[in-house]
C-alpha atoms as a PDB file:
ATOM      1  CA  MET A   1      -6.671  20.250   0.344  1.00  0.00           C
ATOM      2  CA  ALA A   2      -3.536  18.230  -1.938  1.00  0.00           C
ATOM      3  CA  ARG A   3      -2.185  15.593  -0.049  1.00  0.00           C
ATOM      4  CA  TYR A   4       1.109  14.488  -1.267  1.00  0.00           C
ATOM      5  CA  VAL A   5       3.106  11.735  -0.060  1.00  0.00           C
ATOM      6  CA  THR A   6       6.021  10.573  -1.695  1.00  0.00           C
ATOM      7  CA  VAL A   7       6.555   6.872  -1.625  1.00  0.00           C
ATOM      8  CA  ALA A   8       9.496   4.201  -2.011  1.00  0.00           C
ATOM      9  CA  ALA A   9       9.925   0.621  -2.482  1.00  0.00           C
ATOM     10  CA  VAL A  10      12.708  -1.996  -3.230  1.00  0.00           C
ATOM     11  CA  SER A  11      12.549  -5.250  -5.316  1.00  0.00           C
ATOM     12  CA  GLU A  12      15.086  -7.361  -4.962  1.00  0.00           C
ATOM     13  CA  ARG A  13      16.396 -10.713  -3.963  1.00  0.00           C
ATOM     14  CA  PRO A  14      18.474 -10.418  -0.860  1.00  0.00           C
ATOM     15  CA  ASP A  15      21.681 -11.469   0.022  1.00  0.00           C
ATOM     16  CA  SER A  16      22.680 -14.737   1.884  1.00  0.00           C
ATOM     17  CA  ASP A  17      24.557 -12.421   4.262  1.00  0.00           C
ATOM     18  CA  TYR A  18      22.083 -11.259   7.315  1.00  0.00           C
ATOM     19  CA  ASP A  19      24.751  -7.899   7.732  1.00  0.00           C
ATOM     20  CA  ALA A  20      24.881  -7.421   4.249  1.00  0.00           C
ATOM     21  CA  VAL A  21      20.970  -7.289   3.687  1.00  0.00           C
ATOM     22  CA  HIS A  22      20.745  -4.691   6.515  1.00  0.00           C
ATOM     23  CA  ASP A  23      23.395  -2.633   5.214  1.00  0.00           C
ATOM     24  CA  ARG A  24      22.151  -2.585   1.488  1.00  0.00           C
ATOM     25  CA  ALA A  25      18.690  -1.536   2.876  1.00  0.00           C
ATOM     26  CA  ALA A  26      20.171   0.847   4.853  1.00  0.00           C
ATOM     27  CA  MET A  27      22.090   2.318   1.583  1.00  0.00           C
ATOM     28  CA  PHE A  28      18.560   1.882  -0.014  1.00  0.00           C
ATOM     29  CA  ILE A  29      16.651   4.512   2.491  1.00  0.00           C
ATOM     30  CA  GLN A  30      19.520   7.041   2.600  1.00  0.00           C
ATOM     31  CA  ARG A  31      19.049   6.861  -1.479  1.00  0.00           C
ATOM     32  CA  ALA A  32      14.984   7.305  -1.148  1.00  0.00           C
ATOM     33  CA  LYS A  33      15.539   9.792   1.028  1.00  0.00           C
ATOM     34  CA  LEU A  34      17.485  12.010  -0.883  1.00  0.00           C
ATOM     35  CA  MET A  35      14.855  11.497  -3.795  1.00  0.00           C
ATOM     36  CA  GLY A  36      12.168  12.786  -1.320  1.00  0.00           C
ATOM     37  CA  ALA A  37      10.933   9.649   0.021  1.00  0.00           C
ATOM     38  CA  GLN A  38       9.087   9.670   3.180  1.00  0.00           C
ATOM     39  CA  ILE A  39       7.813   5.703   3.458  1.00  0.00           C
ATOM     40  CA  ILE A  40       9.880   3.111   1.978  1.00  0.00           C
ATOM     41  CA  ALA A  41       8.697  -0.769   1.490  1.00  0.00           C
ATOM     42  CA  PHE A  42      10.788  -4.088   1.211  1.00  0.00           C
ATOM     43  CA  PRO A  43       9.763  -7.298  -0.014  1.00  0.00           C
ATOM     44  CA  GLU A  44       8.709 -10.434   1.698  1.00  0.00           C
ATOM     45  CA  CYS A  45      10.637 -11.645   4.645  1.00  0.00           C
ATOM     46  CA  HIS A  46      13.116  -9.728   3.558  1.00  0.00           C
ATOM     47  CA  PRO A  47      16.301 -10.289   6.052  1.00  0.00           C
ATOM     48  CA  HIS A  48      15.115 -14.217   6.732  1.00  0.00           C
ATOM     49  CA  THR A  49      14.528 -15.487   3.176  1.00  0.00           C
ATOM     50  CA  ALA A  50      17.837 -16.407   2.173  1.00  0.00           C
ATOM     51  CA  LEU A  51      18.649 -17.892   5.350  1.00  0.00           C
ATOM     52  CA  PRO A  52      18.759 -21.474   6.059  1.00  0.00           C
ATOM     53  CA  GLY A  53      16.509 -23.003   8.516  1.00  0.00           C
ATOM     54  CA  LEU A  54      12.870 -22.772   8.921  1.00  0.00           C
ATOM     55  CA  ALA A  55      10.653 -19.825   9.984  1.00  0.00           C
ATOM     56  CA  CYS A  56      10.569 -21.133  13.139  1.00  0.00           C
ATOM     57  CA  GLU A  57      14.522 -21.031  13.601  1.00  0.00           C
ATOM     58  CA  LYS A  58      15.100 -17.854  12.132  1.00  0.00           C
ATOM     59  CA  ALA A  59      11.986 -15.275  13.701  1.00  0.00           C
ATOM     60  CA  GLU A  60      12.825 -12.791  16.036  1.00  0.00           C
ATOM     61  CA  PRO A  61      10.878 -10.848  18.696  1.00  0.00           C
ATOM     62  CA  LEU A  62       9.595  -7.429  17.890  1.00  0.00           C
ATOM     63  CA  ASP A  63      12.608  -5.689  19.821  1.00  0.00           C
ATOM     64  CA  GLY A  64      15.238  -8.295  18.000  1.00  0.00           C
ATOM     65  CA  ARG A  65      18.332  -7.038  16.051  1.00  0.00           C
ATOM     66  CA  SER A  66      16.566  -6.574  12.766  1.00  0.00           C
ATOM     67  CA  LEU A  67      14.104  -4.366  13.563  1.00  0.00           C
ATOM     68  CA  THR A  68      16.489  -2.594  16.266  1.00  0.00           C
ATOM     69  CA  PHE A  69      18.640  -2.133  13.107  1.00  0.00           C
ATOM     70  CA  MET A  70      15.747  -1.088  11.003  1.00  0.00           C
ATOM     71  CA  GLY A  71      14.301   1.487  13.674  1.00  0.00           C
ATOM     72  CA  ARG A  72      17.861   3.344  14.022  1.00  0.00           C
ATOM     73  CA  GLN A  73      17.327   3.678  10.284  1.00  0.00           C
ATOM     74  CA  ALA A  74      13.839   5.269  10.138  1.00  0.00           C
ATOM     75  CA  ARG A  75      14.940   7.710  13.480  1.00  0.00           C
ATOM     76  CA  LYS A  76      18.264   8.704  11.185  1.00  0.00           C
ATOM     77  CA  HIS A  77      16.020   9.536   8.197  1.00  0.00           C
ATOM     78  CA  GLY A  78      12.766  10.720   9.920  1.00  0.00           C
ATOM     79  CA  MET A  79      10.757   8.013   7.079  1.00  0.00           C
ATOM     80  CA  HIS A  80       8.352   5.537   7.639  1.00  0.00           C
ATOM     81  CA  ILE A  81      10.013   1.928   6.886  1.00  0.00           C
ATOM     82  CA  ILE A  82       7.784  -0.708   5.985  1.00  0.00           C
ATOM     83  CA  TRP A  83      10.220  -4.047   6.915  1.00  0.00           C
ATOM     84  CA  PRO A  84       8.940  -7.961   6.412  1.00  0.00           C
ATOM     85  CA  LEU A  85      10.262 -10.155   8.455  1.00  0.00           C
ATOM     86  CA  TYR A  86       9.521 -13.674  10.599  1.00  0.00           C
ATOM     87  CA  THR A  87       8.444 -12.254  13.872  1.00  0.00           C
ATOM     88  CA  ARG A  88       7.890 -14.496  16.838  1.00  0.00           C
ATOM     89  CA  GLU A  89       5.111 -13.229  19.174  1.00  0.00           C
ATOM     90  CA  ASP A  90       3.493 -15.184  22.265  1.00  0.00           C
ATOM     91  CA  ASP A  91       4.826 -18.605  21.223  1.00  0.00           C
ATOM     92  CA  ARG A  92       4.005 -18.113  17.695  1.00  0.00           C
ATOM     93  CA  VAL A  93       5.441 -17.469  14.583  1.00  0.00           C
ATOM     94  CA  TYR A  94       4.265 -15.103  12.267  1.00  0.00           C
ATOM     95  CA  ASN A  95       5.048 -14.215   8.682  1.00  0.00           C
ATOM     96  CA  SER A  96       4.844 -10.175   9.210  1.00  0.00           C
ATOM     97  CA  ALA A  97       5.254  -6.846   7.880  1.00  0.00           C
ATOM     98  CA  VAL A  98       6.039  -4.183  10.605  1.00  0.00           C
ATOM     99  CA  LEU A  99       5.233  -0.562   9.867  1.00  0.00           C
ATOM    100  CA  LEU A 100       8.406   1.412  11.521  1.00  0.00           C
ATOM    101  CA  GLY A 101       7.458   5.212  12.374  1.00  0.00           C
ATOM    102  CA  PRO A 102       9.980   8.376  11.611  1.00  0.00           C
ATOM    103  CA  THR A 103      10.940   8.148  15.027  1.00  0.00           C
ATOM    104  CA  GLY A 104      11.859   4.336  14.874  1.00  0.00           C
ATOM    105  CA  GLU A 105       8.422   3.107  16.721  1.00  0.00           C
ATOM    106  CA  ILE A 106       6.155   0.724  15.939  1.00  0.00           C
ATOM    107  CA  VAL A 107       3.313   2.052  14.547  1.00  0.00           C
ATOM    108  CA  GLY A 108       1.756  -1.394  13.413  1.00  0.00           C
ATOM    109  CA  VAL A 109       2.250  -4.957  12.366  1.00  0.00           C
ATOM    110  CA  TYR A 110       0.559  -7.022   9.978  1.00  0.00           C
ATOM    111  CA  HIS A 111       0.545 -10.701   9.855  1.00  0.00           C
ATOM    112  CA  LYS A 112      -0.022 -12.528   6.582  1.00  0.00           C
ATOM    113  CA  MET A 113      -3.379 -13.676   6.682  1.00  0.00           C
ATOM    114  CA  PHE A 114      -3.093 -16.494   4.276  1.00  0.00           C
ATOM    115  CA  PRO A 115       0.253 -18.317   3.948  1.00  0.00           C
ATOM    116  CA  VAL A 116       0.849 -20.556   1.788  1.00  0.00           C
ATOM    117  CA  ASP A 117       0.144 -24.520   3.055  1.00  0.00           C
ATOM    118  CA  ARG A 118       3.459 -25.375   3.273  1.00  0.00           C
ATOM    119  CA  GLU A 119       4.435 -22.216   5.371  1.00  0.00           C
ATOM    120  CA  MET A 120       1.782 -23.687   7.476  1.00  0.00           C
ATOM    121  CA  THR A 121       2.628 -27.015   7.780  1.00  0.00           C
ATOM    122  CA  GLU A 122       6.185 -27.048   7.317  1.00  0.00           C
ATOM    123  CA  ALA A 123       7.452 -24.124   8.790  1.00  0.00           C
ATOM    124  CA  GLY A 124       5.187 -23.573  11.645  1.00  0.00           C
ATOM    125  CA  ILE A 125       3.561 -20.143  10.514  1.00  0.00           C
ATOM    126  CA  THR A 126       0.325 -19.146  12.133  1.00  0.00           C
ATOM    127  CA  PRO A 127      -1.697 -17.393   9.820  1.00  0.00           C
ATOM    128  CA  GLY A 128      -2.970 -13.628  10.695  1.00  0.00           C
ATOM    129  CA  ASP A 129      -6.010 -12.789  12.183  1.00  0.00           C
ATOM    130  CA  GLY A 130      -7.398  -9.575   9.791  1.00  0.00           C
ATOM    131  CA  PRO A 131      -6.237  -6.935   7.715  1.00  0.00           C
ATOM    132  CA  ARG A 132      -5.044  -4.220   9.134  1.00  0.00           C
ATOM    133  CA  VAL A 133      -4.980  -0.250   8.364  1.00  0.00           C
ATOM    134  CA  PHE A 134      -3.163   2.053  10.107  1.00  0.00           C
ATOM    135  CA  GLU A 135      -3.555   5.985  10.709  1.00  0.00           C
ATOM    136  CA  THR A 136      -0.456   7.789  10.151  1.00  0.00           C
ATOM    137  CA  GLU A 137       0.619  11.523   9.469  1.00  0.00           C
ATOM    138  CA  LEU A 138       0.774   9.961   5.737  1.00  0.00           C
ATOM    139  CA  GLY A 139      -2.402   8.919   5.392  1.00  0.00           C
ATOM    140  CA  ARG A 140      -4.135   5.476   6.008  1.00  0.00           C
ATOM    141  CA  ILE A 141      -1.902   2.818   5.247  1.00  0.00           C
ATOM    142  CA  GLY A 142      -2.667  -0.987   4.574  1.00  0.00           C
ATOM    143  CA  MET A 143      -0.365  -3.810   3.832  1.00  0.00           C
ATOM    144  CA  VAL A 144      -0.676  -7.178   2.492  1.00  0.00           C
ATOM    145  CA  ILE A 145       1.966 -10.082   2.130  1.00  0.00           C
ATOM    146  CA  CYS A 146       2.453 -12.449  -1.379  1.00  0.00           C
ATOM    147  CA  PHE A 147      -0.550 -15.078  -1.362  1.00  0.00           C
ATOM    148  CA  ASP A 148      -2.965 -13.005   0.587  1.00  0.00           C
ATOM    149  CA  LEU A 149      -3.629 -10.802  -2.942  1.00  0.00           C
ATOM    150  CA  ASN A 150      -5.587 -14.007  -4.079  1.00  0.00           C
ATOM    151  CA  PHE A 151      -8.449 -13.778  -1.503  1.00  0.00           C
ATOM    152  CA  PRO A 152     -10.816 -11.107  -1.645  1.00  0.00           C
ATOM    153  CA  GLU A 153     -12.116 -11.014   1.727  1.00  0.00           C
ATOM    154  CA  ILE A 154      -8.354  -9.338   2.744  1.00  0.00           C
ATOM    155  CA  MET A 155      -9.228  -6.913  -0.364  1.00  0.00           C
ATOM    156  CA  GLN A 156     -12.505  -6.150   1.043  1.00  0.00           C
ATOM    157  CA  GLY A 157     -11.657  -5.983   4.553  1.00  0.00           C
ATOM    158  CA  THR A 158      -8.699  -3.581   3.728  1.00  0.00           C
ATOM    159  CA  GLY A 159     -10.838  -1.769   1.488  1.00  0.00           C
ATOM    160  CA  ASP A 160     -13.440  -1.158   4.544  1.00  0.00           C
ATOM    161  CA  ALA A 161     -11.049   0.100   6.857  1.00  0.00           C
ATOM    162  CA  GLY A 162     -10.084   2.593   4.766  1.00  0.00           C
ATOM    163  CA  ALA A 163      -7.000   2.393   3.234  1.00  0.00           C
ATOM    164  CA  GLU A 164      -5.839   4.648   0.947  1.00  0.00           C
ATOM    165  CA  LEU A 165      -1.888   3.567   0.315  1.00  0.00           C
ATOM    166  CA  ILE A 166      -1.575  -0.407   0.331  1.00  0.00           C
ATOM    167  CA  PHE A 167       1.777  -1.861   0.277  1.00  0.00           C
ATOM    168  CA  PHE A 168       2.192  -5.343  -1.286  1.00  0.00           C
ATOM    169  CA  CYS A 169       5.583  -7.042   0.212  1.00  0.00           C
ATOM    170  CA  SER A 170       5.871 -10.122  -1.566  1.00  0.00           C
ATOM    171  CA  ALA A 171       7.700 -12.945  -3.522  1.00  0.00           C
ATOM    172  CA  TYR A 172       5.445 -12.865  -6.850  1.00  0.00           C
ATOM    173  CA  ARG A 173       4.767  -9.836  -8.674  1.00  0.00           C
ATOM    174  CA  GLY A 174       1.149 -10.098  -8.289  1.00  0.00           C
ATOM    175  CA  GLY A 175       0.454  -8.380 -11.473  1.00  0.00           C
ATOM    176  CA  LEU A 176      -2.777  -7.687 -13.100  1.00  0.00           C
ATOM    177  CA  GLN A 177      -4.074  -8.318  -9.631  1.00  0.00           C
ATOM    178  CA  THR A 178      -2.580  -5.040  -8.048  1.00  0.00           C
ATOM    179  CA  ARG A 179      -4.310  -3.315 -10.859  1.00  0.00           C
ATOM    180  CA  ILE A 180      -7.872  -4.976 -10.136  1.00  0.00           C
ATOM    181  CA  TRP A 181      -7.209  -4.393  -6.278  1.00  0.00           C
ATOM    182  CA  ALA A 182      -6.273  -0.754  -6.917  1.00  0.00           C
ATOM    183  CA  TYR A 183      -9.374  -0.053  -9.555  1.00  0.00           C
ATOM    184  CA  LEU A 184     -11.879  -1.532  -7.102  1.00  0.00           C
ATOM    185  CA  LEU A 185     -10.751  -0.213  -3.753  1.00  0.00           C
ATOM    186  CA  GLY A 186      -9.706   3.179  -5.226  1.00  0.00           C
ATOM    187  CA  ALA A 187      -6.476   3.139  -3.582  1.00  0.00           C
ATOM    188  CA  TYR A 188      -2.561   3.461  -4.562  1.00  0.00           C
ATOM    189  CA  ILE A 189      -0.796  -0.026  -4.267  1.00  0.00           C
ATOM    190  CA  VAL A 190       2.939   0.114  -4.186  1.00  0.00           C
ATOM    191  CA  SER A 191       4.724  -3.243  -4.431  1.00  0.00           C
ATOM    192  CA  ALA A 192       8.195  -4.342  -3.387  1.00  0.00           C
ATOM    193  CA  ILE A 193       8.964  -7.886  -4.785  1.00  0.00           C
ATOM    194  CA  ARG A 194      11.536 -10.480  -3.842  1.00  0.00           C
ATOM    195  CA  ASP A 195      11.422 -12.154  -7.244  1.00  0.00           C
ATOM    196  CA  GLY A 196      10.705  -9.596 -10.003  1.00  0.00           C
ATOM    197  CA  LEU A 197      10.174  -5.782 -10.128  1.00  0.00           C
ATOM    198  CA  GLY A 198       7.468  -3.831  -8.318  1.00  0.00           C
ATOM    199  CA  TRP A 199       5.322  -1.269  -9.587  1.00  0.00           C
ATOM    200  CA  ILE A 200       3.090   1.749  -8.430  1.00  0.00           C
ATOM    201  CA  VAL A 201      -0.480   1.545  -9.168  1.00  0.00           C
ATOM    202  CA  ASP A 202      -2.718   4.494  -9.453  1.00  0.00           C
ATOM    203  CA  LEU A 203      -5.913   4.242  -7.631  1.00  0.00           C
ATOM    204  CA  SER A 204      -7.624   3.822 -11.137  1.00  0.00           C
ATOM    205  CA  GLY A 205      -5.732   0.670 -12.113  1.00  0.00           C
ATOM    206  CA  GLN A 206      -3.192   2.300 -14.153  1.00  0.00           C
ATOM    207  CA  VAL A 207       0.551   1.579 -13.553  1.00  0.00           C
ATOM    208  CA  LEU A 208       2.692   4.720 -12.584  1.00  0.00           C
ATOM    209  CA  GLY A 209       5.961   3.137 -12.882  1.00  0.00           C
ATOM    210  CA  GLU A 210       7.873   0.202 -12.415  1.00  0.00           C
ATOM    211  CA  ALA A 211      11.033  -0.631 -10.545  1.00  0.00           C
ATOM    212  CA  THR A 212      14.214  -1.514 -12.524  1.00  0.00           C
ATOM    213  CA  TYR A 213      17.179  -3.499 -11.855  1.00  0.00           C
ATOM    214  CA  GLU A 214      18.555  -0.855 -10.016  1.00  0.00           C
ATOM    215  CA  ALA A 215      15.677  -1.890  -7.496  1.00  0.00           C
ATOM    216  CA  LEU A 216      14.303   1.388  -5.874  1.00  0.00           C
ATOM    217  CA  ILE A 217      11.268   2.737  -7.479  1.00  0.00           C
ATOM    218  CA  THR A 218       9.563   6.418  -6.068  1.00  0.00           C
ATOM    219  CA  ARG A 219       6.817   8.216  -6.732  1.00  0.00           C
ATOM    220  CA  ARG A 220       5.160  11.502  -5.355  1.00  0.00           C
ATOM    221  CA  LEU A 221       1.232  10.566  -5.066  1.00  0.00           C
ATOM    222  CA  ASN A 222      -1.626  13.064  -4.260  1.00  0.00           C
ATOM    223  CA  LEU A 223      -3.985  10.849  -1.751  1.00  0.00           C
ATOM    224  CA  ASP A 224      -6.578  13.818  -1.981  1.00  0.00           C
ATOM    225  CA  ARG A 225      -8.090  12.339  -5.183  1.00  0.00           C
ATOM    226  CA  LYS A 226     -11.174  10.180  -5.629  1.00  0.00           C
ATOM    227  CA  LEU A 227     -12.963   7.963  -7.986  1.00  0.00           C
ATOM    228  CA  LEU A 228     -15.874   8.711  -9.438  1.00  0.00           C
ATOM    229  CA  HIS A 229     -18.027   7.751 -12.159  1.00  0.00           C
ATOM    230  CA  MET A 230     -19.206   9.508 -15.304  1.00  0.00           C
ATOM    231  CA  ASP A 231     -22.689   9.008 -14.674  1.00  0.00           C
ATOM    232  CA  ARG A 232     -24.775  12.175 -12.914  1.00  0.00           C
ATOM    233  CA  ASN A 233     -21.481  13.507 -12.615  1.00  0.00           C
ATOM    234  CA  TRP A 234     -20.032  14.573 -16.036  1.00  0.00           C
ATOM    235  CA  ASP A 235     -22.556  17.295 -16.709  1.00  0.00           C
ATOM    236  CA  LYS A 236     -21.455  19.046 -13.386  1.00  0.00           C
ATOM    237  CA  LEU A 237     -17.656  19.395 -14.777  1.00  0.00           C
ATOM    238  CA  ASP A 238     -17.703  22.431 -16.391  1.00  0.00           C
ATOM    239  CA  ALA A 239     -19.105  24.488 -13.346  1.00  0.00           C
ATOM    240  CA  MET A 240     -16.151  23.191 -11.353  1.00  0.00           C
ATOM    241  CA  LEU A 241     -13.587  23.926 -13.596  1.00  0.00           C
ATOM    242  CA  ALA A 242     -14.958  27.595 -14.312  1.00  0.00           C
ATOM    243  CA  LYS A 243     -14.992  28.162 -10.423  1.00  0.00           C
ATOM    244  CA  TYR A 244     -11.733  26.255  -9.521  1.00  0.00           C
ATOM    245  CA  GLY A 245      -9.726  25.623 -12.608  1.00  0.00           C
ATOM    246  CA  PRO A 246      -6.246  24.578 -12.267  1.00  0.00           C
ATOM    247  CA  HIS A 247      -6.675  23.935  -8.342  1.00  0.00           C
ATOM    248  CA  LEU A 248      -8.300  20.719  -9.622  1.00  0.00           C
ATOM    249  CA  SER A 249      -6.801  17.547 -11.530  1.00  0.00           C
ATOM    250  CA  VAL A 250      -9.171  15.829 -13.652  1.00  0.00           C
ATOM    251  CA  ASP A 251      -8.106  12.405 -15.117  1.00  0.00           C
ATOM    252  CA  PHE A 252     -10.607  10.646 -17.199  1.00  0.00           C
ATOM    253  CA  PHE A 253     -10.563   6.646 -17.678  1.00  0.00           C
ATOM    254  CA  THR A 254     -12.739   6.264 -20.294  1.00  0.00           C
ATOM    255  CA  PRO A 255     -12.991   2.486 -21.259  1.00  0.00           C
ATOM    256  CA  GLU A 256     -14.241   2.159 -17.194  1.00  0.00           C
ATOM    257  CA  GLY A 257     -16.534   4.960 -17.340  1.00  0.00           C
ATOM    258  CA  CYS A 258     -15.173   6.870 -14.421  1.00  0.00           C
ATOM    259  CA  TRP A 259     -12.698   9.403 -13.489  1.00  0.00           C
ATOM    260  CA  ALA A 260     -10.540  10.854 -10.903  1.00  0.00           C
ATOM    261  CA  LEU A 261     -11.164  14.234  -9.035  1.00  0.00           C
ATOM    262  CA  GLY A 262      -8.549  15.510  -6.699  1.00  0.00           C
ATOM    263  CA  SER A 263      -7.367  19.128  -4.938  1.00  0.00           C
ATOM    264  CA  GLU A 264      -4.255  20.666  -5.729  1.00  0.00           C
ATOM    265  CA  SER A 265      -5.069  23.547  -3.399  1.00  0.00           C
ATOM    266  CA  ASP A 266      -4.413  24.016  -0.054  1.00  0.00           C
ATOM    267  CA  ALA A 267      -7.475  25.727   0.601  1.00  0.00           C
ATOM    268  CA  PHE A 268      -9.894  23.343   0.162  1.00  0.00           C
ATOM    269  CA  THR A 269     -10.221  19.292   0.071  1.00  0.00           C
ATOM    270  CA  VAL A 270     -11.764  16.841  -3.016  1.00  0.00           C
ATOM    271  CA  ASP A 271     -14.807  16.169  -0.284  1.00  0.00           C
ATOM    272  CA  ASP A 272     -15.714  19.926   0.056  1.00  0.00           C
ATOM    273  CA  VAL A 273     -16.039  19.945  -4.424  1.00  0.00           C
ATOM    274  CA  ILE A 274     -17.919  16.934  -4.113  1.00  0.00           C
ATOM    275  CA  ARG A 275     -20.237  18.572  -1.243  1.00  0.00           C
ATOM    276  CA  GLU A 276     -20.483  21.649  -2.793  1.00  0.00           C
ATOM    277  CA  PHE A 277     -21.517  20.493  -6.676  1.00  0.00           C
ATOM    278  CA  GLY A 278     -23.633  16.992  -5.555  1.00  0.00           C
ATOM    279  CA  LEU A 279     -21.169  14.308  -6.628  1.00  0.00           C
ATOM    280  CA  GLU A 280     -21.586  11.420  -6.162  1.00  0.00           C
ATOM    281  CA  LEU A 281     -18.397   8.693  -5.648  1.00  0.00           C
ATOM    282  CA  ARG A 282     -17.896   5.728  -7.908  1.00  0.00           C
ATOM    283  CA  SER A 283     -18.455   3.511  -4.714  1.00  0.00           C
ATOM    284  CA  ASP A 284     -21.684   5.379  -3.582  1.00  0.00           C
ATOM    285  CA  TYR A 285     -23.237   5.286  -7.184  1.00  0.00           C
ATOM    286  CA  PHE A 286     -22.673   1.263  -6.928  1.00  0.00           C
ATOM    287  CA  ALA A 287     -24.268   0.859  -3.676  1.00  0.00           C
ATOM    288  CA  ARG A 288     -27.383   3.210  -4.596  1.00  0.00           C
ATOM    289  CA  SER A 289     -27.411   0.704  -8.165  1.00  0.00           C
ATOM    290  CA  ARG A 290     -27.921  -2.395  -5.539  1.00  0.00           C
ATOM    291  CA  GLU A 291     -30.364  -0.961  -3.566  1.00  0.00           C
ATOM    292  CA  VAL A 292     -32.506   0.453  -6.486  1.00  0.00           C
ATOM    293  CA  ARG A 293     -32.201  -3.141  -7.933  1.00  0.00           C
ATOM    294  CA  ARG A 294     -33.510  -4.500  -4.686  1.00  0.00           C
ATOM    295  CA  GLN A 295     -36.235  -2.275  -4.517  1.00  0.00           C
ATOM    296  CA  ALA A 296     -37.109  -3.119  -8.321  1.00  0.00           C
ATOM    297  CA  MET A 297     -36.588  -7.085  -7.711  1.00  0.00           C
ATOM    298  CA  ARG A 298     -39.518  -6.555  -4.731  1.00  0.00           C
END
């Protein structure tokens, strides 16, 4: 059945005043809530970037001042918040993105797996040990941070863990890379950028919207959509439409030879339709093609 979630992201360079960063974030959270957002993300190391000192000097525990403040904001507005900052855990310092739930609790923490070399050698950052995807009432949420976007193993691991919605908190925009991730994984990408404007990318790799210099971007997304290849599925489209009509969403991406099918009904899921009409997901088609090739090579 249709699973709509309204996402938001803020793209801006933070103030050098620690308290001002939090006050401005609170303003954006309230504005996003009024626009219907259920989750909002901020750029990499947002409360700490403009502060003097190394990461090891700025880092805070998970129950420290910054996350305590943001937990109150999450609880006040009943929203999920992704708050990136330097954290100190077990005497190690991480470049982290923390997912807060709507009651202010910590749902999960992702540690940047690939800090740039100077982060490790000069700032004392410890790399994270793997991708993380978190089950929430909104869907399966993944997070990646900045330089991570360059490493296929993180993309693959995040996809294998079932991420439907991936938040990219960064100092650089990512650009084409975010579109590639979205297309290859069949997942939505939402970016919150410190030195540029973030955007929201459809699971097809198409850009749905870009932040303006007002910093905040929001979009309503249906997570009950799947990517299919045109091969072996195309001839079933008319039968599906004859039965379900406008209760299905169908979006064609002809240059890539694929299309997205979604449920717009509370009575059935897109997986129900896929089973009923014997459709094949794009990822399954590619996996089957690999196996057919392997057999042919024998």
